[in-house]
Structures are given as structure tokens and as C-alpha cells.
Amino acid sequence: MAVKERVGLVVSDKMDKTVVVIVENRVPHPKYKKVMVRTKRYKVHDQENECRSGDRVRIRETRPLSRTKRWIVADILDRASEA
């Protein structure tokens, strides 16, 4: 069985060792075929507290770590600009 991976954007880093990552998925409308953007929020384990809001990250599915956390940060692809 393949390990699930997603690429998303960190939208919150206020929790300890946890970040909220939003993942966009583009799907066609079942009837009208227009491409829609569906978003899903994942709570992701960040052991070293190194992710910041605005970073692009790759996340990987893992065993349940808490009631809502089932993903870990695999690696950080792009850092948010310090502005």
C-alpha cells in the first residue's frame, strides 16, 4: 500500500508541535464540468516547531497521533517570505 502524501500551505502555527495545512484539490463539477477548487484542512504534526504560517509543505499520512492528527510534515518546500 502506498503512503499518502499531499502538498499544502501552512495557515496556522499557533499550536505546540502542530500546524494547520490547507490542501487545494481541483475537481470538475459532476454536471457542469467547470473546474472547482475544493479545500481541506489537515492538522499536521511538526516535531521541531519549524514550520511558519505561509510555508509550502509536503505532508505524509501516519498512525493516529491524537484525536485529530494523522499527518506529519515530510519536508518544507518553500519558506514564507519575511515581510
N, C-alpha and C. Protein backbone atom coordinates (compact mmCIF):
# COMPACT_ATOMS: atom_id res chain seq x y z
N MET A 1 0.84 -1.19 0.00
CA MET A 1 0.00 0.00 0.00
C MET A 1 0.88 1.25 0.00
N ALA A 2 0.58 2.18 -0.86
CA ALA A 2 1.38 3.40 -0.99
C ALA A 2 1.06 4.37 0.14
N VAL A 3 2.08 5.12 0.54
CA VAL A 3 1.90 6.12 1.58
C VAL A 3 1.30 7.37 0.94
N LYS A 4 0.24 7.90 1.55
CA LYS A 4 -0.40 9.10 1.00
C LYS A 4 0.43 10.32 1.32
N GLU A 5 0.61 11.18 0.33
CA GLU A 5 1.32 12.44 0.51
C GLU A 5 0.51 13.55 -0.13
N ARG A 6 0.57 14.73 0.46
CA ARG A 6 -0.12 15.90 -0.06
C ARG A 6 0.83 17.09 0.02
N VAL A 7 0.59 18.11 -0.80
CA VAL A 7 1.34 19.36 -0.74
C VAL A 7 0.34 20.46 -0.42
N GLY A 8 0.66 21.26 0.60
CA GLY A 8 -0.28 22.30 1.00
C GLY A 8 0.42 23.49 1.61
N LEU A 9 -0.40 24.43 2.09
CA LEU A 9 0.08 25.70 2.63
C LEU A 9 -0.25 25.76 4.11
N VAL A 10 0.74 26.13 4.93
CA VAL A 10 0.52 26.27 6.37
C VAL A 10 -0.28 27.54 6.61
N VAL A 11 -1.43 27.41 7.28
CA VAL A 11 -2.27 28.58 7.55
C VAL A 11 -2.27 28.96 9.03
N SER A 12 -1.83 28.04 9.90
CA SER A 12 -1.76 28.35 11.33
C SER A 12 -0.62 27.57 11.96
N ASP A 13 0.17 28.27 12.80
CA ASP A 13 1.25 27.60 13.53
C ASP A 13 1.18 27.96 15.01
N LYS A 14 0.00 28.25 15.51
CA LYS A 14 -0.16 28.74 16.88
C LYS A 14 -0.10 27.64 17.93
N MET A 15 -0.32 26.37 17.53
CA MET A 15 -0.29 25.28 18.49
C MET A 15 1.13 24.77 18.66
N ASP A 16 1.37 24.05 19.76
CA ASP A 16 2.68 23.48 20.03
C ASP A 16 2.81 22.16 19.28
N LYS A 17 3.83 22.05 18.42
CA LYS A 17 4.14 20.86 17.63
C LYS A 17 3.02 20.47 16.67
N THR A 18 2.15 21.41 16.33
CA THR A 18 1.06 21.15 15.39
C THR A 18 0.88 22.37 14.49
N VAL A 19 0.69 22.11 13.20
CA VAL A 19 0.35 23.18 12.26
C VAL A 19 -0.91 22.77 11.51
N VAL A 20 -1.64 23.77 11.01
CA VAL A 20 -2.81 23.51 10.19
C VAL A 20 -2.41 23.78 8.74
N VAL A 21 -2.60 22.76 7.89
CA VAL A 21 -2.21 22.85 6.49
C VAL A 21 -3.46 22.76 5.63
N ILE A 22 -3.58 23.68 4.67
CA ILE A 22 -4.72 23.67 3.76
C ILE A 22 -4.25 23.10 2.43
N VAL A 23 -5.01 22.13 1.91
CA VAL A 23 -4.67 21.46 0.65
C VAL A 23 -5.78 21.73 -0.35
N GLU A 24 -5.40 22.24 -1.52
CA GLU A 24 -6.38 22.52 -2.58
C GLU A 24 -6.45 21.34 -3.54
N ASN A 25 -7.67 20.98 -3.92
CA ASN A 25 -7.89 19.92 -4.88
C ASN A 25 -8.83 20.44 -5.96
N ARG A 26 -8.41 20.33 -7.21
CA ARG A 26 -9.23 20.83 -8.32
C ARG A 26 -9.99 19.66 -8.93
N VAL A 27 -11.34 19.77 -8.90
CA VAL A 27 -12.20 18.70 -9.41
C VAL A 27 -13.26 19.31 -10.34
N PRO A 28 -13.65 18.58 -11.38
CA PRO A 28 -14.72 19.10 -12.23
C PRO A 28 -16.08 18.90 -11.58
N HIS A 29 -16.96 19.85 -11.81
CA HIS A 29 -18.33 19.73 -11.31
C HIS A 29 -19.00 18.52 -11.99
N PRO A 30 -19.72 17.71 -11.24
CA PRO A 30 -20.29 16.48 -11.83
C PRO A 30 -21.20 16.74 -13.04
N LYS A 31 -21.98 17.81 -12.99
CA LYS A 31 -22.92 18.08 -14.08
C LYS A 31 -22.39 19.09 -15.09
N TYR A 32 -21.83 20.20 -14.59
CA TYR A 32 -21.47 21.31 -15.47
C TYR A 32 -20.03 21.29 -15.95
N LYS A 33 -19.22 20.42 -15.38
CA LYS A 33 -17.82 20.20 -15.80
C LYS A 33 -16.90 21.39 -15.59
N LYS A 34 -17.36 22.43 -14.92
CA LYS A 34 -16.47 23.54 -14.59
C LYS A 34 -15.52 23.08 -13.48
N VAL A 35 -14.26 23.47 -13.56
CA VAL A 35 -13.28 23.06 -12.56
C VAL A 35 -13.49 23.90 -11.30
N MET A 36 -13.69 23.20 -10.19
CA MET A 36 -13.88 23.86 -8.89
C MET A 36 -12.67 23.59 -8.01
N VAL A 37 -12.41 24.50 -7.09
CA VAL A 37 -11.33 24.31 -6.14
C VAL A 37 -11.93 23.90 -4.81
N ARG A 38 -11.61 22.69 -4.38
CA ARG A 38 -12.05 22.19 -3.08
C ARG A 38 -10.86 22.26 -2.13
N THR A 39 -11.09 22.73 -0.91
CA THR A 39 -10.00 22.82 0.06
C THR A 39 -10.31 21.95 1.26
N LYS A 40 -9.26 21.41 1.85
CA LYS A 40 -9.39 20.61 3.05
C LYS A 40 -8.28 21.00 4.01
N ARG A 41 -8.62 21.07 5.30
CA ARG A 41 -7.65 21.45 6.33
C ARG A 41 -7.21 20.21 7.08
N TYR A 42 -5.90 20.06 7.23
CA TYR A 42 -5.34 18.95 7.97
C TYR A 42 -4.56 19.49 9.16
N LYS A 43 -4.71 18.84 10.33
CA LYS A 43 -3.82 19.14 11.46
C LYS A 43 -2.62 18.21 11.31
N VAL A 44 -1.44 18.80 11.31
CA VAL A 44 -0.22 18.09 10.97
C VAL A 44 0.80 18.21 12.10
N HIS A 45 1.46 17.09 12.43
CA HIS A 45 2.46 17.07 13.49
C HIS A 45 3.77 17.68 12.98
N ASP A 46 4.29 18.65 13.72
CA ASP A 46 5.55 19.34 13.39
C ASP A 46 6.45 19.23 14.62
N GLN A 47 7.24 18.19 14.69
CA GLN A 47 8.01 17.85 15.90
C GLN A 47 8.92 18.98 16.37
N GLU A 48 9.60 19.65 15.43
CA GLU A 48 10.59 20.66 15.80
C GLU A 48 10.04 22.08 15.83
N ASN A 49 8.75 22.27 15.60
CA ASN A 49 8.13 23.60 15.53
C ASN A 49 8.86 24.49 14.53
N GLU A 50 9.22 23.94 13.36
CA GLU A 50 9.99 24.73 12.39
C GLU A 50 9.13 25.34 11.29
N CYS A 51 7.89 24.91 11.13
CA CYS A 51 7.01 25.48 10.10
C CYS A 51 6.44 26.80 10.57
N ARG A 52 6.31 27.73 9.63
CA ARG A 52 5.71 29.03 9.91
C ARG A 52 4.52 29.23 8.97
N SER A 53 3.64 30.09 9.34
CA SER A 53 2.47 30.38 8.53
C SER A 53 2.91 30.92 7.16
N GLY A 54 2.37 30.35 6.09
CA GLY A 54 2.74 30.74 4.74
C GLY A 54 3.70 29.79 4.05
N ASP A 55 4.29 28.84 4.77
CA ASP A 55 5.21 27.87 4.17
C ASP A 55 4.44 26.86 3.32
N ARG A 56 5.07 26.42 2.21
CA ARG A 56 4.53 25.29 1.45
C ARG A 56 5.22 24.04 1.95
N VAL A 57 4.44 23.01 2.33
CA VAL A 57 4.99 21.80 2.92
C VAL A 57 4.44 20.56 2.24
N ARG A 58 5.21 19.48 2.32
CA ARG A 58 4.73 18.16 1.91
C ARG A 58 4.41 17.40 3.19
N ILE A 59 3.20 16.83 3.26
CA ILE A 59 2.79 16.09 4.45
C ILE A 59 2.57 14.63 4.09
N ARG A 60 2.77 13.75 5.08
CA ARG A 60 2.68 12.31 4.87
C ARG A 60 1.76 11.72 5.92
N GLU A 61 0.91 10.79 5.50
CA GLU A 61 -0.01 10.14 6.43
C GLU A 61 0.75 9.19 7.35
N THR A 62 0.30 9.12 8.61
CA THR A 62 0.94 8.26 9.59
C THR A 62 -0.12 7.69 10.53
N ARG A 63 0.32 7.02 11.56
CA ARG A 63 -0.61 6.47 12.54
C ARG A 63 -1.28 7.62 13.29
N PRO A 64 -2.43 7.39 13.93
CA PRO A 64 -3.06 8.47 14.69
C PRO A 64 -2.16 8.95 15.83
N LEU A 65 -1.92 10.26 15.86
CA LEU A 65 -1.07 10.85 16.90
C LEU A 65 -1.91 11.52 17.98
N SER A 66 -3.14 11.89 17.65
CA SER A 66 -4.08 12.45 18.62
C SER A 66 -5.48 12.27 18.03
N ARG A 67 -6.45 12.91 18.63
CA ARG A 67 -7.82 12.74 18.14
C ARG A 67 -7.99 13.24 16.70
N THR A 68 -7.25 14.29 16.33
CA THR A 68 -7.41 14.87 15.00
C THR A 68 -6.16 14.81 14.13
N LYS A 69 -5.00 14.45 14.68
CA LYS A 69 -3.76 14.45 13.91
C LYS A 69 -3.46 13.07 13.35
N ARG A 70 -3.38 12.98 12.01
CA ARG A 70 -2.99 11.74 11.34
C ARG A 70 -1.92 11.99 10.28
N TRP A 71 -1.30 13.16 10.28
CA TRP A 71 -0.33 13.53 9.27
C TRP A 71 0.90 14.12 9.94
N ILE A 72 2.07 13.98 9.30
CA ILE A 72 3.31 14.60 9.78
C ILE A 72 3.93 15.40 8.63
N VAL A 73 4.74 16.38 8.99
CA VAL A 73 5.45 17.18 7.98
C VAL A 73 6.59 16.34 7.43
N ALA A 74 6.56 16.07 6.11
CA ALA A 74 7.64 15.31 5.49
C ALA A 74 8.81 16.23 5.19
N ASP A 75 8.55 17.37 4.54
CA ASP A 75 9.59 18.36 4.33
C ASP A 75 8.96 19.69 3.94
N ILE A 76 9.76 20.74 4.12
CA ILE A 76 9.31 22.10 3.81
C ILE A 76 9.82 22.45 2.42
N LEU A 77 8.90 22.76 1.51
CA LEU A 77 9.27 23.03 0.12
C LEU A 77 9.66 24.48 -0.09
N ASP A 78 8.85 25.41 0.40
CA ASP A 78 9.12 26.85 0.26
C ASP A 78 8.88 27.54 1.59
N ARG A 79 9.78 28.42 1.97
CA ARG A 79 9.61 29.22 3.17
C ARG A 79 8.78 30.44 2.85
N ALA A 80 8.00 30.90 3.83
CA ALA A 80 7.24 32.13 3.67
C ALA A 80 8.21 33.31 3.69
N SER A 81 7.91 34.33 2.91
CA SER A 81 8.78 35.50 2.89
C SER A 81 8.62 36.27 4.20
N GLU A 82 9.75 36.74 4.72
CA GLU A 82 9.75 37.50 5.97
C GLU A 82 9.43 38.95 5.66
N ALA A 83 8.16 39.31 5.78
CA ALA A 83 7.78 40.69 5.44
C ALA A 83 7.08 41.35 6.60
